[in-house]
Amino acid sequence: MQKNVSLEEAQKTLLDVAAPVNTSTVPLSYASGRVLGRDVIARCNTPAFEKSAMDGYAVIARDTLSASLSRPVALTVVEEIRAGIVAEKTVIPGTTIKVQTGASIPEGANAVIKYEDVDRQEDVIFIPMTLHPDENIVPVGEDVKQGDIVARRGTVITPPMVGVFAGLGMNRVPVFRKVKISISSTGDELLYPSQELQAGKIYNRTFFALAARCRELGTVPIDMGISPDEVEATSARIAYGLEISDIVITTGGVSAGDFDMVENSLLQTGARILLRGVAMKPGSPMVAAVKDDKIIIGLSGNPGAAMTNFELIVVPLIKTLIGLRQTLPPKFQGIMVDNYPKSSPQRRFLRARLLRKDGKDFVKLTGAQTNGVLMSMVDYNVLVDIPAGSGPVKFGQEISGFLVGNVDQV
């Protein structure tokens, strides 16, 4: 067992024992937002045939070489087709076929002239301009060519990607199955929000914050309930969680107090402890173990600490399990527009918001930074990384850290 490891060591320890879950297929209509389970190679061209880019007339470009406003070329209309219909006749010199947008280019034709650019008199059109081969024709494979890799394993399926798959005739899509995450809260003081608040009790904020983040990641959180501060009860919940889910997360009971049960509960289930304690603030109380290739994470009961560990350590683990290619949180650099007066003997992470102005990135703290505070995470999108041994952070100082959560509103 490793003790008091760095953030990077904690990430590596867990990712080294993690592997993506197995794959299944889902109907095309339900694929958006899921993680693609294998590379998708185009089995056909999109479009599969040359088609008209507009309403007009399919012609042989060579027939229009001498066309001008003063001496338009006359062609005979031998057929009219709409999209979805293949012409029965072939375009030969001196003839044309009227086509709708999206219609297959008739055999023999190699250009299309706009409907508005011709003068039609009964079955004859007059063309006042020269056309070039392939003009106004959508080529075969303009969007996707047969054999192209259109999407890579481990990418999140987007609505446009669903449309691409539909164009390839895919009715079902291979995806990684949804990861199930059991969350067990430890603490005699905890209540559900539906219960009446009692003296000495608190509502269980940490569970609901973690469960909501799990859903945001596309996983299925399972409420394992509130466990009393007892080894046997906590052990039983962990054991059951291992049976029904891919990851087990506990909150509370991981510090050095007399009522901290999680580590002993893990040992009682037969789990092998991987690490205890991470050299960071908030979030130093943490334990991780593995049993039967499933990982158990013990987080602090304080929501600020638990959510920080979750974003920096547990989220990369979850992303690995659900098959994503990029798992570690991306880094950023910016300029502080606040002061943080405390020194940081230990590596510290500050909750803040990344703002962009005039091409530069600025960082503003979002509120109080203590372990039990959750409000400062409501509007944050970065964790500022303050190295161990640093003094106070000052206005205008260049800092770095990690992007977390949703950062689409920078």
Protein backbone atom coordinates (compact mmCIF):
# COMPACT_ATOMS: atom_id res chain seq x y z
CA MET A 1 0.00 0.00 0.00
CA GLN A 2 1.24 3.47 -0.94
CA LYS A 3 0.75 6.30 1.52
CA ASN A 4 0.43 10.04 1.01
CA VAL A 5 1.00 9.79 -2.74
CA SER A 6 1.03 12.66 -5.21
CA LEU A 7 -1.99 13.39 -7.38
CA GLU A 8 -0.20 12.00 -10.41
CA GLU A 9 0.77 8.82 -8.54
CA ALA A 10 -2.84 8.36 -7.42
CA GLN A 11 -4.10 8.77 -10.99
CA LYS A 12 -1.53 6.31 -12.36
CA THR A 13 -2.18 3.74 -9.62
CA LEU A 14 -5.87 3.59 -10.43
CA LEU A 15 -5.54 3.76 -14.21
CA ASP A 16 -3.00 0.94 -14.16
CA VAL A 17 -5.62 -1.45 -12.76
CA ALA A 18 -8.57 -0.09 -14.78
CA ALA A 19 -9.86 -1.38 -18.10
CA PRO A 20 -12.85 -0.39 -20.24
CA VAL A 21 -16.09 -2.26 -19.68
CA ASN A 22 -17.42 -4.51 -22.41
CA THR A 23 -19.41 -3.27 -25.39
CA SER A 24 -22.90 -3.80 -26.72
CA THR A 25 -25.02 -2.23 -29.44
CA VAL A 26 -27.82 0.28 -29.16
CA PRO A 27 -30.40 1.49 -31.68
CA LEU A 28 -29.16 4.40 -33.77
CA SER A 29 -31.73 6.76 -32.24
CA TYR A 30 -30.30 6.16 -28.75
CA ALA A 31 -26.59 6.40 -29.64
CA SER A 32 -26.03 10.13 -29.11
CA GLY A 33 -23.99 10.83 -25.99
CA ARG A 34 -22.70 7.27 -25.70
CA VAL A 35 -19.05 6.28 -26.18
CA LEU A 36 -18.26 4.48 -29.42
CA GLY A 37 -17.15 0.89 -28.82
CA ARG A 38 -15.11 0.36 -32.01
CA ASP A 39 -13.85 2.23 -35.05
CA VAL A 40 -16.57 2.74 -37.66
CA ILE A 41 -15.39 2.21 -41.24
CA ALA A 42 -17.65 3.40 -44.05
CA ARG A 43 -19.07 0.42 -45.89
CA CYS A 44 -20.42 2.60 -48.71
CA ASN A 45 -20.08 6.04 -50.23
CA THR A 46 -22.25 8.94 -49.11
CA PRO A 47 -23.80 9.83 -51.43
CA ALA A 48 -23.65 6.53 -53.27
CA PHE A 49 -24.38 8.13 -56.66
CA GLU A 50 -23.84 11.40 -58.48
CA LYS A 51 -26.76 13.70 -57.78
CA SER A 52 -28.00 17.09 -58.81
CA ALA A 53 -27.14 19.97 -56.49
CA MET A 54 -30.26 21.88 -57.58
CA ASP A 55 -33.42 21.88 -59.65
CA GLY A 56 -32.43 22.14 -63.28
CA TYR A 57 -31.54 20.24 -66.41
CA ALA A 58 -28.89 17.53 -66.80
CA VAL A 59 -26.86 18.12 -69.94
CA ILE A 60 -23.67 17.22 -71.75
CA ALA A 61 -21.29 20.11 -71.02
CA ARG A 62 -19.79 19.89 -74.51
CA ASP A 63 -23.20 20.76 -76.00
CA THR A 64 -22.97 24.24 -74.42
CA LEU A 65 -19.51 25.26 -75.67
CA SER A 66 -20.91 27.78 -78.17
CA ALA A 67 -23.76 29.05 -75.97
CA SER A 68 -24.15 32.80 -75.40
CA LEU A 69 -26.89 35.30 -74.59
CA SER A 70 -27.18 36.22 -78.23
CA ARG A 71 -26.99 32.66 -79.51
CA PRO A 72 -28.36 30.23 -76.87
CA VAL A 73 -28.05 26.50 -77.43
CA ALA A 74 -31.30 24.58 -77.89
CA LEU A 75 -31.73 21.13 -76.29
CA THR A 76 -34.72 18.80 -76.37
CA VAL A 77 -36.20 17.65 -73.03
CA VAL A 78 -36.68 13.88 -73.30
CA GLU A 79 -37.62 13.05 -69.68
CA GLU A 80 -38.28 14.60 -66.25
CA ILE A 81 -37.26 12.91 -62.96
CA ARG A 82 -37.51 13.74 -59.29
CA ALA A 83 -35.32 12.70 -56.37
CA GLY A 84 -35.45 8.95 -55.76
CA ILE A 85 -36.23 8.12 -59.39
CA VAL A 86 -33.62 6.88 -61.88
CA ALA A 87 -33.96 8.16 -65.44
CA GLU A 88 -35.04 5.60 -68.02
CA LYS A 89 -33.43 7.44 -70.89
CA THR A 90 -29.82 8.42 -71.61
CA VAL A 91 -28.76 11.99 -72.32
CA ILE A 92 -27.28 12.09 -75.82
CA PRO A 93 -25.98 15.12 -77.74
CA GLY A 94 -28.77 17.61 -78.34
CA THR A 95 -30.96 16.36 -75.48
CA THR A 96 -31.49 17.02 -71.77
CA ILE A 97 -33.40 15.58 -68.82
CA LYS A 98 -35.07 17.77 -66.21
CA VAL A 99 -33.94 16.88 -62.65
CA GLN A 100 -34.89 17.88 -59.11
CA THR A 101 -32.42 18.60 -56.33
CA GLY A 102 -31.00 15.30 -55.10
CA ALA A 103 -31.98 13.33 -58.18
CA SER A 104 -29.51 10.86 -59.67
CA ILE A 105 -27.60 12.26 -62.64
CA PRO A 106 -28.89 10.51 -65.78
CA GLU A 107 -26.50 8.40 -67.79
CA GLY A 108 -24.64 10.45 -70.39
CA ALA A 109 -24.98 13.80 -68.59
CA ASN A 110 -22.04 15.48 -66.88
CA ALA A 111 -23.39 18.90 -65.84
CA VAL A 112 -26.55 20.55 -64.56
CA ILE A 113 -27.83 24.01 -65.39
CA LYS A 114 -30.09 25.85 -62.95
CA TYR A 115 -33.78 25.88 -63.70
CA GLU A 116 -33.78 29.69 -63.52
CA ASP A 117 -30.97 30.03 -66.10
CA VAL A 118 -32.83 28.54 -69.03
CA ASP A 119 -35.74 29.58 -71.20
CA ARG A 120 -38.11 26.69 -71.83
CA GLN A 121 -40.54 26.61 -74.69
CA GLU A 122 -42.61 23.42 -74.65
CA ASP A 123 -40.08 20.54 -74.86
CA VAL A 124 -37.09 22.66 -75.77
CA ILE A 125 -34.79 24.65 -73.46
CA PHE A 126 -32.45 27.43 -74.51
CA ILE A 127 -29.13 27.67 -72.66
CA PRO A 128 -27.34 31.07 -72.76
CA MET A 129 -24.03 30.09 -71.16
CA THR A 130 -21.20 27.59 -71.29
CA LEU A 131 -21.19 24.84 -68.65
CA HIS A 132 -18.17 22.93 -67.39
CA PRO A 133 -18.01 19.18 -66.69
CA ASP A 134 -19.25 18.32 -63.15
CA GLU A 135 -20.84 21.76 -62.71
CA ASN A 136 -23.66 21.64 -60.13
CA ILE A 137 -23.15 17.91 -59.59
CA VAL A 138 -22.62 16.40 -56.14
CA PRO A 139 -19.94 13.71 -56.61
CA VAL A 140 -20.03 10.16 -55.28
CA GLY A 141 -18.59 10.10 -51.76
CA GLU A 142 -18.65 13.89 -51.34
CA ASP A 143 -19.43 13.43 -47.61
CA VAL A 144 -17.97 9.99 -46.86
CA LYS A 145 -15.92 7.68 -49.04
CA GLN A 146 -16.14 3.93 -48.75
CA GLY A 147 -13.32 2.66 -46.53
CA ASP A 148 -12.94 5.92 -44.59
CA ILE A 149 -12.68 5.72 -40.80
CA VAL A 150 -15.56 8.02 -39.92
CA ALA A 151 -15.31 7.72 -36.11
CA ARG A 152 -12.75 6.32 -33.69
CA ARG A 153 -13.34 3.99 -30.79
CA GLY A 154 -13.55 5.95 -27.55
CA THR A 155 -15.15 9.11 -28.93
CA VAL A 156 -18.43 10.50 -27.65
CA ILE A 157 -21.15 10.10 -30.27
CA THR A 158 -22.59 13.46 -31.32
CA PRO A 159 -25.85 14.20 -33.19
CA PRO A 160 -24.01 14.91 -36.49
CA MET A 161 -22.17 11.59 -36.05
CA VAL A 162 -25.54 9.86 -35.69
CA GLY A 163 -26.49 11.40 -39.02
CA VAL A 164 -23.29 10.10 -40.61
CA PHE A 165 -24.02 6.62 -39.29
CA ALA A 166 -27.54 6.81 -40.70
CA GLY A 167 -26.08 7.72 -44.09
CA LEU A 168 -24.03 4.53 -43.95
CA GLY A 169 -27.10 2.41 -43.29
CA MET A 170 -26.19 1.65 -39.68
CA ASN A 171 -29.27 0.67 -37.69
CA ARG A 172 -27.39 -0.20 -34.49
CA VAL A 173 -24.22 1.33 -33.08
CA PRO A 174 -21.47 -0.38 -31.01
CA VAL A 175 -21.00 1.40 -27.68
CA PHE A 176 -19.42 0.78 -24.33
CA ARG A 177 -22.11 -0.24 -21.90
CA LYS A 178 -23.07 2.21 -19.19
CA VAL A 179 -20.87 2.04 -16.10
CA LYS A 180 -22.67 1.53 -12.80
CA ILE A 181 -21.30 3.32 -9.74
CA SER A 182 -22.46 2.40 -6.24
CA ILE A 183 -22.19 5.24 -3.73
CA SER A 184 -22.39 4.49 -0.02
CA SER A 185 -22.43 7.30 2.54
CA THR A 186 -20.91 6.64 5.96
CA GLY A 187 -21.89 8.66 9.01
CA ASP A 188 -24.39 8.54 11.86
CA GLU A 189 -24.96 12.27 11.39
CA LEU A 190 -26.33 12.07 7.84
CA LEU A 191 -29.93 12.53 6.75
CA TYR A 192 -31.73 12.53 3.40
CA PRO A 193 -33.24 15.86 2.31
CA SER A 194 -36.68 14.27 2.61
CA GLN A 195 -36.18 13.82 6.36
CA GLU A 196 -36.79 16.44 8.99
CA LEU A 197 -33.58 18.06 10.18
CA GLN A 198 -32.63 17.01 13.71
CA ALA A 199 -30.19 18.38 16.28
CA GLY A 200 -26.63 17.30 15.51
CA LYS A 201 -27.58 15.98 12.06
CA ILE A 202 -26.78 17.28 8.55
CA TYR A 203 -28.22 16.64 5.13
CA ASN A 204 -26.16 14.42 2.86
CA ARG A 205 -24.91 16.94 0.30
CA THR A 206 -21.94 14.90 -0.83
CA PHE A 207 -23.92 11.94 -2.15
CA PHE A 208 -26.25 14.04 -4.26
CA ALA A 209 -23.41 16.12 -5.72
CA LEU A 210 -21.42 13.00 -6.66
CA ALA A 211 -24.46 11.20 -8.07
CA ALA A 212 -25.32 14.20 -10.22
CA ARG A 213 -21.76 14.35 -11.58
CA CYS A 214 -21.88 10.62 -12.32
CA ARG A 215 -25.04 11.11 -14.37
CA GLU A 216 -23.41 14.02 -16.17
CA LEU A 217 -20.61 11.64 -17.17
CA GLY A 218 -23.15 9.22 -18.63
CA THR A 219 -22.86 6.63 -15.85
CA VAL A 220 -25.54 5.16 -13.61
CA PRO A 221 -25.18 6.07 -9.92
CA ILE A 222 -26.68 3.65 -7.40
CA ASP A 223 -27.65 4.91 -3.96
CA MET A 224 -26.35 2.38 -1.42
CA GLY A 225 -27.86 4.35 1.42
CA ILE A 226 -26.34 5.75 4.60
CA SER A 227 -24.20 3.36 6.59
CA PRO A 228 -23.68 3.77 10.35
CA ASP A 229 -20.16 4.16 11.69
CA GLU A 230 -19.68 0.42 12.00
CA VAL A 231 -17.17 -1.80 10.22
CA GLU A 232 -19.62 -4.65 9.60
CA ALA A 233 -22.34 -2.45 8.14
CA THR A 234 -19.92 -0.56 5.89
CA SER A 235 -18.26 -3.79 4.79
CA ALA A 236 -21.61 -5.34 3.86
CA ARG A 237 -22.55 -2.35 1.72
CA ILE A 238 -19.18 -2.39 -0.05
CA ALA A 239 -19.51 -6.12 -0.74
CA TYR A 240 -23.00 -5.68 -2.17
CA GLY A 241 -21.85 -2.72 -4.25
CA LEU A 242 -19.11 -4.87 -5.77
CA GLU A 243 -21.76 -7.39 -6.85
CA ILE A 244 -24.01 -4.92 -8.64
CA SER A 245 -21.70 -2.23 -10.00
CA ASP A 246 -18.37 -1.49 -11.68
CA ILE A 247 -17.04 0.97 -9.09
CA VAL A 248 -17.87 1.44 -5.42
CA ILE A 249 -17.48 4.87 -3.85
CA THR A 250 -17.82 5.55 -0.14
CA THR A 251 -17.95 8.96 1.48
CA GLY A 252 -16.84 9.64 5.04
CA GLY A 253 -14.78 7.52 7.38
CA VAL A 254 -11.39 7.91 5.71
CA SER A 255 -9.55 10.25 8.07
CA ALA A 256 -7.65 9.29 11.21
CA GLY A 257 -10.53 9.66 13.69
CA ASP A 258 -11.76 7.02 16.09
CA PHE A 259 -14.92 6.41 14.05
CA ASP A 260 -13.25 5.98 10.68
CA MET A 261 -14.25 2.59 9.39
CA VAL A 262 -13.68 2.42 5.67
CA GLU A 263 -10.15 1.02 5.56
CA ASN A 264 -10.99 -1.77 8.02
CA SER A 265 -14.21 -2.43 6.12
CA LEU A 266 -12.24 -2.80 2.89
CA LEU A 267 -9.89 -5.29 4.50
CA GLN A 268 -12.86 -7.25 5.83
CA THR A 269 -14.27 -7.61 2.31
CA GLY A 270 -10.94 -9.06 1.14
CA ALA A 271 -9.99 -6.02 -0.94
CA ARG A 272 -6.36 -5.11 -1.56
CA ILE A 273 -5.63 -1.54 -0.55
CA LEU A 274 -3.75 0.38 -3.22
CA LEU A 275 -3.20 3.72 -1.55
CA ARG A 276 -4.12 5.77 1.46
CA GLY A 277 -3.85 9.54 1.50
CA VAL A 278 -3.05 11.96 -1.30
CA ALA A 279 -0.65 14.87 -0.83
CA MET A 280 -3.12 17.61 -1.70
CA LYS A 281 -5.54 20.00 -0.03
CA PRO A 282 -8.46 19.63 -0.03
CA GLY A 283 -8.81 15.90 -0.48
CA SER A 284 -5.85 14.43 1.39
CA PRO A 285 -8.05 11.83 3.19
CA MET A 286 -8.68 9.18 0.54
CA VAL A 287 -8.31 5.42 0.25
CA ALA A 288 -8.42 3.20 -2.83
CA ALA A 289 -8.59 -0.57 -3.07
CA VAL A 290 -9.28 -3.29 -5.61
CA LYS A 291 -11.11 -6.61 -5.42
CA ASP A 292 -11.94 -8.93 -8.31
CA ASP A 293 -10.72 -6.27 -10.76
CA LYS A 294 -13.19 -3.74 -9.37
CA ILE A 295 -12.05 -0.55 -7.70
CA ILE A 296 -13.33 0.88 -4.43
CA ILE A 297 -12.70 4.55 -3.63
CA GLY A 298 -13.11 6.01 -0.16
CA LEU A 299 -13.60 9.78 -0.25
CA SER A 300 -13.95 12.39 2.45
CA GLY A 301 -17.42 13.15 3.71
CA ASN A 302 -16.75 16.87 3.25
CA PRO A 303 -18.25 17.84 -0.11
CA GLY A 304 -15.49 20.25 -1.15
CA ALA A 305 -12.79 17.66 -0.53
CA ALA A 306 -14.79 14.79 -2.02
CA MET A 307 -15.61 16.67 -5.20
CA THR A 308 -12.00 17.78 -5.69
CA ASN A 309 -10.75 14.18 -5.41
CA PHE A 310 -13.58 13.04 -7.62
CA GLU A 311 -12.74 15.46 -10.44
CA LEU A 312 -8.99 14.94 -10.40
CA ILE A 313 -8.73 11.23 -9.57
CA VAL A 314 -12.07 9.44 -9.94
CA VAL A 315 -13.25 11.09 -13.16
CA PRO A 316 -10.16 9.87 -15.10
CA LEU A 317 -10.90 6.38 -13.77
CA ILE A 318 -14.53 6.60 -14.87
CA LYS A 319 -13.53 7.89 -18.30
CA THR A 320 -11.23 4.91 -18.69
CA LEU A 321 -13.99 2.48 -17.76
CA ILE A 322 -16.50 4.02 -20.17
CA GLY A 323 -13.93 3.76 -22.97
CA LEU A 324 -13.00 7.40 -23.57
CA ARG A 325 -9.67 8.04 -25.26
CA GLN A 326 -8.81 11.20 -23.34
CA THR A 327 -9.11 10.66 -19.59
CA LEU A 328 -6.89 13.04 -17.63
CA PRO A 329 -8.17 16.58 -17.02
CA PRO A 330 -6.74 19.10 -19.50
CA LYS A 331 -4.40 21.76 -18.17
CA PHE A 332 -4.64 25.53 -18.48
CA GLN A 333 -2.59 28.63 -17.71
CA GLY A 334 -3.93 32.02 -16.75
CA ILE A 335 -3.53 35.20 -14.74
CA MET A 336 -5.06 35.58 -11.28
CA VAL A 337 -7.43 38.50 -10.78
CA ASP A 338 -7.78 37.76 -7.05
CA ASN A 339 -5.55 37.47 -4.01
CA TYR A 340 -5.37 34.28 -1.95
CA PRO A 341 -3.74 35.24 1.36
CA LYS A 342 -2.80 31.81 2.72
CA SER A 343 0.53 30.07 2.25
CA SER A 344 0.43 26.48 0.94
CA PRO A 345 2.84 24.16 2.78
CA GLN A 346 0.99 21.32 1.03
CA ARG A 347 -0.06 21.26 -2.63
CA ARG A 348 -3.36 23.12 -2.80
CA PHE A 349 -6.20 23.29 -5.31
CA LEU A 350 -8.33 26.42 -5.46
CA ARG A 351 -11.80 26.50 -6.97
CA ALA A 352 -12.03 29.21 -9.59
CA ARG A 353 -13.51 30.26 -12.89
CA LEU A 354 -11.58 30.70 -16.12
CA LEU A 355 -12.51 33.87 -17.99
CA ARG A 356 -11.27 34.90 -21.44
CA LYS A 357 -10.91 38.53 -22.46
CA ASP A 358 -9.00 40.11 -25.34
CA GLY A 359 -7.36 36.78 -26.12
CA LYS A 360 -6.01 36.27 -22.59
CA ASP A 361 -7.08 33.82 -19.89
CA PHE A 362 -7.86 35.17 -16.44
CA VAL A 363 -8.79 33.25 -13.29
CA LYS A 364 -11.16 34.43 -10.57
CA LEU A 365 -11.79 32.56 -7.33
CA THR A 366 -15.41 31.49 -6.89
CA GLY A 367 -15.69 31.69 -3.11
CA ALA A 368 -14.54 30.05 0.11
CA GLN A 369 -11.99 27.27 -0.29
CA THR A 370 -12.52 25.15 2.85
CA ASN A 371 -13.27 21.41 2.79
CA GLY A 372 -16.91 21.66 3.74
CA VAL A 373 -17.87 24.43 1.30
CA LEU A 374 -19.78 23.44 -1.84
CA MET A 375 -21.06 26.83 -3.03
CA SER A 376 -17.67 27.73 -4.52
CA MET A 377 -18.06 24.77 -6.89
CA VAL A 378 -21.41 25.92 -8.27
CA ASP A 379 -19.82 28.28 -10.78
CA TYR A 380 -16.27 26.91 -11.04
CA ASN A 381 -14.68 25.36 -14.10
CA VAL A 382 -11.02 25.10 -13.05
CA LEU A 383 -8.92 23.94 -10.13
CA VAL A 384 -5.89 26.18 -9.68
CA ASP A 385 -2.79 24.10 -8.84
CA ILE A 386 -0.70 25.77 -6.14
CA PRO A 387 2.61 23.90 -5.59
CA ALA A 388 3.64 22.82 -2.09
CA GLY A 389 5.78 25.43 -0.36
CA SER A 390 4.13 28.38 -2.08
CA GLY A 391 3.33 31.67 -0.41
CA PRO A 392 0.12 33.68 -0.90
CA VAL A 393 -1.21 33.99 -4.45
CA LYS A 394 -1.32 37.56 -5.66
CA PHE A 395 -3.29 39.56 -8.19
CA GLY A 396 -1.62 39.38 -11.60
CA GLN A 397 0.33 36.22 -10.79
CA GLU A 398 0.59 33.60 -13.54
CA ILE A 399 -0.90 30.30 -12.41
CA SER A 400 -1.83 26.93 -13.89
CA GLY A 401 -4.18 24.10 -13.09
CA PHE A 402 -6.84 21.80 -14.51
CA LEU A 403 -10.06 22.31 -16.39
CA VAL A 404 -12.92 20.47 -14.67
CA GLY A 405 -16.61 19.85 -15.18
CA ASN A 406 -18.18 21.72 -18.06
CA VAL A 407 -16.11 24.56 -19.49
CA ASP A 408 -18.29 25.50 -22.46
CA GLN A 409 -19.01 28.99 -21.09
CA VAL A 410 -15.45 30.30 -20.77
